[in-house]
């Protein structure tokens, strides 16, 4: 039986921010990434043409634990959204709160 170990990978375009990354998510368009930190900060990254931070925002003071895609029209159809930027991201924190980050 083969067992696999998962190791986290962290990529930085320049100096690393002063916080520990606790969650990572690539948006369905494949061109953007969102990371969450133990400090409650969320960073949005552009992956094209190279990795670069686009925006950093403090959402809460609790650690970010997970992200999920959320289409803004709530019809569960992602296909018509892939060409545009009309996404929202759901963000969970260690205190059990679910945040919706619009306009991603």
C-alpha atoms as a PDB file:
ATOM      1  CA  UNK A   1       0.000   0.000   0.000  1.00  0.00           C
ATOM      2  CA  UNK A   2       1.297   3.416  -1.001  1.00  0.00           C
ATOM      3  CA  UNK A   3       0.815   6.304   1.401  1.00  0.00           C
ATOM      4  CA  UNK A   4       1.113   9.914   0.366  1.00  0.00           C
ATOM      5  CA  UNK A   5       2.134  12.854   2.468  1.00  0.00           C
ATOM      6  CA  UNK A   6       0.751  16.292   1.640  1.00  0.00           C
ATOM      7  CA  UNK A   7       3.127  19.174   2.081  1.00  0.00           C
ATOM      8  CA  UNK A   8       2.089  22.822   1.875  1.00  0.00           C
ATOM      9  CA  UNK A   9       3.761  25.019  -0.721  1.00  0.00           C
ATOM     10  CA  UNK A  10       4.145  28.769  -0.385  1.00  0.00           C
ATOM     11  CA  UNK A  11       5.019  31.025  -3.318  1.00  0.00           C
ATOM     12  CA  UNK A  12       6.123  34.638  -2.937  1.00  0.00           C
ATOM     13  CA  UNK A  13       6.798  37.303  -5.524  1.00  0.00           C
ATOM     14  CA  UNK A  14       9.137  39.368  -3.373  1.00  0.00           C
ATOM     15  CA  UNK A  15       9.360  39.504   0.428  1.00  0.00           C
ATOM     16  CA  UNK A  16       6.925  37.256   2.300  1.00  0.00           C
ATOM     17  CA  UNK A  17       4.170  38.965   4.306  1.00  0.00           C
ATOM     18  CA  UNK A  18       4.544  38.848   8.103  1.00  0.00           C
ATOM     19  CA  UNK A  19       1.735  36.339   8.621  1.00  0.00           C
ATOM     20  CA  UNK A  20       1.296  32.572   8.435  1.00  0.00           C
ATOM     21  CA  UNK A  21      -0.857  31.268   5.567  1.00  0.00           C
ATOM     22  CA  UNK A  22      -3.667  28.992   6.828  1.00  0.00           C
ATOM     23  CA  UNK A  23      -5.826  28.590   3.680  1.00  0.00           C
ATOM     24  CA  UNK A  24      -5.275  28.788  -0.065  1.00  0.00           C
ATOM     25  CA  UNK A  25      -7.722  28.703  -3.003  1.00  0.00           C
ATOM     26  CA  UNK A  26      -7.436  29.108  -6.787  1.00  0.00           C
ATOM     27  CA  UNK A  27     -10.468  30.752  -8.420  1.00  0.00           C
ATOM     28  CA  UNK A  28     -12.184  28.866 -11.288  1.00  0.00           C
ATOM     29  CA  UNK A  29     -10.768  31.204 -13.942  1.00  0.00           C
ATOM     30  CA  UNK A  30      -7.299  29.875 -13.064  1.00  0.00           C
ATOM     31  CA  UNK A  31      -5.875  33.389 -13.105  1.00  0.00           C
ATOM     32  CA  UNK A  32      -6.419  34.387  -9.467  1.00  0.00           C
ATOM     33  CA  UNK A  33      -5.525  32.961  -6.078  1.00  0.00           C
ATOM     34  CA  UNK A  34      -6.743  33.875  -2.607  1.00  0.00           C
ATOM     35  CA  UNK A  35      -4.816  33.150   0.601  1.00  0.00           C
ATOM     36  CA  UNK A  36      -5.929  33.453   4.207  1.00  0.00           C
ATOM     37  CA  UNK A  37      -3.752  33.954   7.261  1.00  0.00           C
ATOM     38  CA  UNK A  38      -3.728  33.177  10.970  1.00  0.00           C
ATOM     39  CA  UNK A  39      -4.139  36.924  11.563  1.00  0.00           C
ATOM     40  CA  UNK A  40      -7.473  37.069   9.686  1.00  0.00           C
ATOM     41  CA  UNK A  41      -6.002  38.763   6.638  1.00  0.00           C
ATOM     42  CA  UNK A  42      -7.004  37.751   3.117  1.00  0.00           C
ATOM     43  CA  UNK A  43      -4.705  38.345   0.138  1.00  0.00           C
ATOM     44  CA  UNK A  44      -5.821  38.250  -3.480  1.00  0.00           C
ATOM     45  CA  UNK A  45      -3.154  37.297  -6.006  1.00  0.00           C
ATOM     46  CA  UNK A  46      -2.886  37.578  -9.763  1.00  0.00           C
ATOM     47  CA  UNK A  47      -1.321  34.502 -11.375  1.00  0.00           C
ATOM     48  CA  UNK A  48      -1.001  36.011 -14.870  1.00  0.00           C
ATOM     49  CA  UNK A  49       1.475  36.891 -16.294  1.00  0.00           C
ATOM     50  CA  UNK A  50       3.346  36.126 -13.038  1.00  0.00           C
ATOM     51  CA  UNK A  51       2.485  35.779  -9.355  1.00  0.00           C
ATOM     52  CA  UNK A  52       1.796  39.186  -7.805  1.00  0.00           C
ATOM     53  CA  UNK A  53      -0.280  40.303  -4.825  1.00  0.00           C
ATOM     54  CA  UNK A  54      -3.238  42.413  -5.953  1.00  0.00           C
ATOM     55  CA  UNK A  55      -4.881  43.268  -2.632  1.00  0.00           C
ATOM     56  CA  UNK A  56      -4.567  42.484   1.101  1.00  0.00           C
ATOM     57  CA  UNK A  57      -7.494  43.046   3.454  1.00  0.00           C
ATOM     58  CA  UNK A  58      -8.212  42.317   7.114  1.00  0.00           C
ATOM     59  CA  UNK A  59     -11.451  40.338   7.317  1.00  0.00           C
ATOM     60  CA  UNK A  60     -11.399  39.331  10.984  1.00  0.00           C
ATOM     61  CA  UNK A  61      -9.004  38.724  13.866  1.00  0.00           C
ATOM     62  CA  UNK A  62      -9.507  34.937  13.735  1.00  0.00           C
ATOM     63  CA  UNK A  63      -7.563  32.549  11.512  1.00  0.00           C
ATOM     64  CA  UNK A  64      -8.935  31.885   8.036  1.00  0.00           C
ATOM     65  CA  UNK A  65      -9.607  28.145   7.733  1.00  0.00           C
ATOM     66  CA  UNK A  66     -11.140  27.583   4.263  1.00  0.00           C
ATOM     67  CA  UNK A  67     -12.350  29.155   1.018  1.00  0.00           C
ATOM     68  CA  UNK A  68     -15.034  28.099  -1.495  1.00  0.00           C
ATOM     69  CA  UNK A  69     -16.326  29.516  -4.787  1.00  0.00           C
ATOM     70  CA  UNK A  70     -19.705  31.251  -4.794  1.00  0.00           C
ATOM     71  CA  UNK A  71     -21.300  32.486  -8.060  1.00  0.00           C
ATOM     72  CA  UNK A  72     -22.993  35.841  -7.459  1.00  0.00           C
ATOM     73  CA  UNK A  73     -26.256  34.843  -9.139  1.00  0.00           C
ATOM     74  CA  UNK A  74     -26.551  31.693  -6.978  1.00  0.00           C
ATOM     75  CA  UNK A  75     -27.854  29.579  -9.893  1.00  0.00           C
ATOM     76  CA  UNK A  76     -25.043  27.021  -9.473  1.00  0.00           C
ATOM     77  CA  UNK A  77     -23.908  27.628 -13.054  1.00  0.00           C
ATOM     78  CA  UNK A  78     -20.226  28.548 -13.087  1.00  0.00           C
ATOM     79  CA  UNK A  79     -19.758  28.234 -16.858  1.00  0.00           C
ATOM     80  CA  UNK A  80     -21.131  31.665 -17.757  1.00  0.00           C
ATOM     81  CA  UNK A  81     -18.969  33.310 -15.069  1.00  0.00           C
ATOM     82  CA  UNK A  82     -15.605  31.891 -16.098  1.00  0.00           C
ATOM     83  CA  UNK A  83     -14.927  34.625 -18.650  1.00  0.00           C
ATOM     84  CA  UNK A  84     -15.636  37.485 -16.227  1.00  0.00           C
ATOM     85  CA  UNK A  85     -14.821  38.422 -12.676  1.00  0.00           C
ATOM     86  CA  UNK A  86     -18.323  38.117 -11.205  1.00  0.00           C
ATOM     87  CA  UNK A  87     -17.352  35.761  -8.410  1.00  0.00           C
ATOM     88  CA  UNK A  88     -17.669  35.888  -4.701  1.00  0.00           C
ATOM     89  CA  UNK A  89     -15.578  33.765  -2.364  1.00  0.00           C
ATOM     90  CA  UNK A  90     -16.878  32.193   0.819  1.00  0.00           C
ATOM     91  CA  UNK A  91     -14.374  32.417   3.651  1.00  0.00           C
ATOM     92  CA  UNK A  92     -14.598  30.381   6.872  1.00  0.00           C
ATOM     93  CA  UNK A  93     -12.835  31.373  10.089  1.00  0.00           C
ATOM     94  CA  UNK A  94     -11.807  29.376  13.142  1.00  0.00           C
ATOM     95  CA  UNK A  95     -14.580  30.956  15.251  1.00  0.00           C
ATOM     96  CA  UNK A  96     -17.233  29.382  12.981  1.00  0.00           C
ATOM     97  CA  UNK A  97     -18.154  32.524  11.019  1.00  0.00           C
ATOM     98  CA  UNK A  98     -18.714  32.354   7.252  1.00  0.00           C
ATOM     99  CA  UNK A  99     -17.825  35.501   5.303  1.00  0.00           C
ATOM    100  CA  UNK A 100     -18.829  36.305   1.706  1.00  0.00           C
ATOM    101  CA  UNK A 101     -16.213  38.362  -0.149  1.00  0.00           C
ATOM    102  CA  UNK A 102     -17.863  39.963  -3.224  1.00  0.00           C
ATOM    103  CA  UNK A 103     -16.312  41.339  -6.388  1.00  0.00           C
ATOM    104  CA  UNK A 104     -13.387  38.978  -6.528  1.00  0.00           C
END
